[in-house]
Amino acid sequence: MTGATSPSTKSTSKTGGLVGGYAGFNLQDGSFVYGLEADFNWVGAKATEMWGGTFPGSFVGLQSQDVPWVTTFRGRMGIDYQSTLFYLTGGLAFGQVKNSFNGFCGPGAACLGAVAGGPIGGFSESATRFGWTVGAGVEHMFSSHWTVRSEFRYVDLGRKGVACAQVVGGQCFVGTNYRGEFSNTLMSGLVGIGYKF
């Protein structure tokens, strides 16, 4: 997950976990398998970073990015070999994003029109965003109804520009013309078990 505030770009990253479920259907023509699938996952990977100094008059930036949940609607196609399916998948994704970047004066001295330790300006976003996803995986049928799978998937929820808030002295980040832009991406390694009707 990344956030940009001109004239620099700051990135955050976090390793976490997710849990959810999926449903869909498949059709088979010889060894070729194709179908549609949807899933929903709760995500636990909130990322927070702080930049800047702690000396008097310094600037401190605090950035936080979170995707609490994500849903995808995907096509799937692959080759079946002795009850093992090797497949590619891709389609639409949407999820909730919670992003923020806030600037503060460091301790001990005022800066950029704000008091020591006070806010200079900030950018925030809390919304549902749409994007895309692509991935690949392997699924094995170990009984007449049960399968187990392993999959890697990339999700891109796009970019969004946001206005500056917490105005100090009549202008956010006094003496500048700042704009904010956030982007959110997820890379997931998934394992699961499925039941075929």
Protein backbone atom coordinates (compact mmCIF):
# COMPACT_ATOMS: atom_id res chain seq x y z
CA MET A 1 0.00 0.00 0.00
CA THR A 2 1.38 3.43 -0.92
CA GLY A 3 0.45 7.03 -0.37
CA ALA A 4 1.84 10.04 -2.20
CA THR A 5 2.06 13.66 -1.10
CA SER A 6 3.81 16.01 -3.52
CA PRO A 7 6.75 16.38 -3.80
CA SER A 8 7.55 12.95 -2.37
CA THR A 9 6.12 9.44 -2.25
CA LYS A 10 5.94 7.41 0.95
CA SER A 11 5.17 3.69 1.02
CA THR A 12 3.93 1.45 3.79
CA SER A 13 3.83 -2.34 3.85
CA LYS A 14 2.57 -4.94 6.28
CA THR A 15 2.53 -8.72 6.42
CA GLY A 16 -0.71 -10.00 7.89
CA GLY A 17 -3.43 -12.57 7.43
CA LEU A 18 -6.86 -13.00 5.91
CA VAL A 19 -9.79 -15.36 6.28
CA GLY A 20 -12.89 -15.82 4.16
CA GLY A 21 -14.80 -18.05 1.79
CA TYR A 22 -15.48 -18.59 -1.90
CA ALA A 23 -18.15 -20.04 -4.20
CA GLY A 24 -18.46 -20.66 -7.92
CA PHE A 25 -18.95 -23.19 -10.67
CA ASN A 26 -16.80 -24.98 -13.24
CA LEU A 27 -17.40 -26.55 -16.64
CA GLN A 28 -15.07 -29.11 -18.19
CA ASP A 29 -14.37 -29.92 -21.84
CA GLY A 30 -11.83 -32.72 -22.02
CA SER A 31 -8.87 -31.53 -19.96
CA PHE A 32 -9.84 -27.86 -20.24
CA VAL A 33 -11.70 -26.39 -17.21
CA TYR A 34 -13.31 -22.96 -17.05
CA GLY A 35 -15.74 -21.21 -14.75
CA LEU A 36 -16.64 -18.26 -12.54
CA GLU A 37 -15.85 -17.64 -8.88
CA ALA A 38 -16.46 -15.04 -6.16
CA ASP A 39 -14.90 -14.66 -2.73
CA PHE A 40 -14.97 -12.44 0.35
CA ASN A 41 -12.06 -12.02 2.78
CA TRP A 42 -11.43 -10.13 5.99
CA VAL A 43 -7.89 -8.71 5.94
CA GLY A 44 -5.66 -8.09 8.95
CA ALA A 45 -2.72 -6.09 7.60
CA LYS A 46 -2.94 -2.46 8.72
CA ALA A 47 0.31 -0.63 7.92
CA THR A 48 1.61 2.42 9.83
CA GLU A 49 4.85 4.35 9.32
CA MET A 50 6.35 7.54 10.78
CA TRP A 51 8.89 9.81 9.07
CA GLY A 52 10.87 12.83 10.16
CA GLY A 53 12.99 13.95 13.08
CA THR A 54 12.32 14.50 16.75
CA PHE A 55 14.51 17.61 17.23
CA PRO A 56 12.96 21.09 17.81
CA GLY A 57 11.37 22.57 14.68
CA SER A 58 11.46 19.30 12.73
CA PHE A 59 8.61 17.93 10.62
CA VAL A 60 7.03 14.56 11.47
CA GLY A 61 4.78 12.63 9.09
CA LEU A 62 2.52 9.78 10.22
CA GLN A 63 0.97 7.53 7.55
CA SER A 64 -1.56 4.74 8.01
CA GLN A 65 -3.15 2.45 5.40
CA ASP A 66 -5.64 -0.36 5.86
CA VAL A 67 -7.85 -2.62 3.71
CA PRO A 68 -10.22 -4.25 6.24
CA TRP A 69 -11.96 -6.44 3.64
CA VAL A 70 -11.83 -7.31 -0.06
CA THR A 71 -14.16 -9.11 -2.48
CA THR A 72 -13.38 -10.41 -5.97
CA PHE A 73 -15.45 -11.67 -8.92
CA ARG A 74 -13.24 -13.69 -11.24
CA GLY A 75 -13.10 -15.91 -14.26
CA ARG A 76 -11.03 -19.08 -13.95
CA MET A 77 -9.52 -21.41 -16.55
CA GLY A 78 -6.97 -24.17 -16.49
CA ILE A 79 -5.87 -27.67 -17.39
CA ASP A 80 -6.89 -30.78 -15.44
CA TYR A 81 -4.25 -33.48 -15.11
CA GLN A 82 -5.04 -36.60 -13.08
CA SER A 83 -7.44 -34.83 -10.66
CA THR A 84 -5.13 -31.79 -10.32
CA LEU A 85 -6.15 -28.46 -11.88
CA PHE A 86 -3.51 -25.89 -12.85
CA TYR A 87 -5.30 -22.60 -13.43
CA LEU A 88 -5.18 -18.85 -14.03
CA THR A 89 -7.76 -16.45 -12.59
CA GLY A 90 -8.60 -12.78 -12.93
CA GLY A 91 -11.38 -10.22 -12.80
CA LEU A 92 -12.90 -7.45 -10.71
CA ALA A 93 -12.09 -6.55 -7.11
CA PHE A 94 -13.49 -4.11 -4.59
CA GLY A 95 -12.72 -3.45 -0.97
CA GLN A 96 -12.82 -0.93 1.85
CA VAL A 97 -9.78 1.34 2.22
CA LYS A 98 -8.82 3.52 5.19
CA ASN A 99 -5.86 5.80 4.41
CA SER A 100 -4.35 8.80 6.17
CA PHE A 101 -1.22 10.95 6.11
CA ASN A 102 -0.80 13.66 8.77
CA GLY A 103 2.00 16.13 9.31
CA PHE A 104 3.04 17.52 12.71
CA CYS A 105 5.65 19.88 14.09
CA GLY A 106 8.30 18.12 16.11
CA PRO A 107 8.58 18.81 19.83
CA GLY A 108 10.08 21.98 21.26
CA ALA A 109 9.53 24.54 18.50
CA ALA A 110 6.90 25.87 16.09
CA CYS A 111 7.18 25.15 12.36
CA LEU A 112 5.30 26.07 9.17
CA GLY A 113 2.85 28.23 11.12
CA ALA A 114 1.90 25.53 13.65
CA VAL A 115 2.79 25.27 17.32
CA ALA A 116 5.28 22.69 18.57
CA GLY A 117 3.72 19.25 18.32
CA GLY A 118 0.71 20.67 16.46
CA PRO A 119 -0.80 19.54 13.16
CA ILE A 120 0.40 21.14 9.93
CA GLY A 121 -1.98 19.38 7.54
CA GLY A 122 -3.29 16.00 6.55
CA PHE A 123 -4.96 13.81 3.98
CA SER A 124 -7.46 11.04 4.68
CA GLU A 125 -9.73 8.63 2.83
CA SER A 126 -12.30 6.08 3.99
CA ALA A 127 -14.21 4.55 1.10
CA THR A 128 -15.02 1.45 -0.93
CA ARG A 129 -12.80 1.31 -4.00
CA PHE A 130 -13.01 -0.78 -7.17
CA GLY A 131 -10.07 -2.35 -8.99
CA TRP A 132 -8.83 -5.57 -10.53
CA THR A 133 -7.15 -8.84 -9.59
CA VAL A 134 -5.10 -11.57 -11.25
CA GLY A 135 -3.62 -14.81 -9.96
CA ALA A 136 -2.65 -18.44 -10.49
CA GLY A 137 -3.11 -21.60 -8.50
CA VAL A 138 -3.30 -25.37 -8.16
CA GLU A 139 -6.36 -27.33 -6.98
CA HIS A 140 -6.40 -31.07 -6.28
CA MET A 141 -9.48 -33.30 -5.87
CA PHE A 142 -8.66 -35.83 -3.14
CA SER A 143 -12.15 -37.42 -2.93
CA SER A 144 -15.35 -37.47 -4.99
CA HIS A 145 -16.49 -34.12 -3.49
CA TRP A 146 -13.55 -32.49 -1.70
CA THR A 147 -10.69 -30.40 -3.06
CA VAL A 148 -7.72 -28.54 -1.62
CA ARG A 149 -6.10 -25.55 -3.32
CA SER A 150 -3.16 -23.16 -3.16
CA GLU A 151 -3.25 -19.80 -4.95
CA PHE A 152 -1.28 -16.59 -5.35
CA ARG A 153 -3.29 -13.45 -6.11
CA TYR A 154 -2.52 -9.77 -6.73
CA VAL A 155 -5.21 -7.13 -6.07
CA ASP A 156 -4.97 -3.48 -7.17
CA LEU A 157 -7.64 -1.14 -5.78
CA GLY A 158 -6.44 1.84 -7.80
CA ARG A 159 -5.44 5.40 -6.91
CA LYS A 160 -7.45 8.23 -5.39
CA GLY A 161 -6.59 11.91 -4.99
CA VAL A 162 -7.68 13.56 -1.75
CA ALA A 163 -7.88 17.15 -0.54
CA CYS A 164 -5.75 18.51 2.28
CA ALA A 165 -7.45 18.99 5.66
CA GLN A 166 -6.50 20.31 9.12
CA VAL A 167 -5.73 23.74 7.67
CA VAL A 168 -3.27 25.84 9.68
CA GLY A 169 -2.96 29.59 9.04
CA GLY A 170 -5.46 29.48 6.19
CA GLN A 171 -3.57 26.98 4.04
CA CYS A 172 -2.79 23.30 4.48
CA PHE A 173 0.99 22.93 4.92
CA VAL A 174 1.53 26.70 5.08
CA GLY A 175 3.29 28.22 2.07
CA THR A 176 2.78 25.14 -0.13
CA ASN A 177 0.26 23.80 -2.62
CA TYR A 178 0.00 20.15 -1.60
CA ARG A 179 -2.26 17.43 -2.96
CA GLY A 180 -2.51 13.85 -1.70
CA GLU A 181 -2.89 10.58 -3.57
CA PHE A 182 -3.30 7.09 -2.13
CA SER A 183 -2.98 3.68 -3.79
CA ASN A 184 -3.70 0.28 -2.24
CA THR A 185 -2.46 -3.12 -3.43
CA LEU A 186 -2.50 -6.58 -1.87
CA MET A 187 -0.40 -9.67 -2.61
CA SER A 188 -1.91 -12.80 -1.09
CA GLY A 189 -0.88 -16.41 -0.74
CA LEU A 190 -4.11 -18.37 -0.23
CA VAL A 191 -4.84 -21.94 0.80
CA GLY A 192 -8.32 -23.40 1.07
CA ILE A 193 -10.56 -26.41 1.01
CA GLY A 194 -13.67 -26.75 -1.14
CA TYR A 195 -16.72 -28.96 -1.54
CA LYS A 196 -18.05 -29.84 -5.02
CA PHE A 197 -21.77 -30.60 -5.36
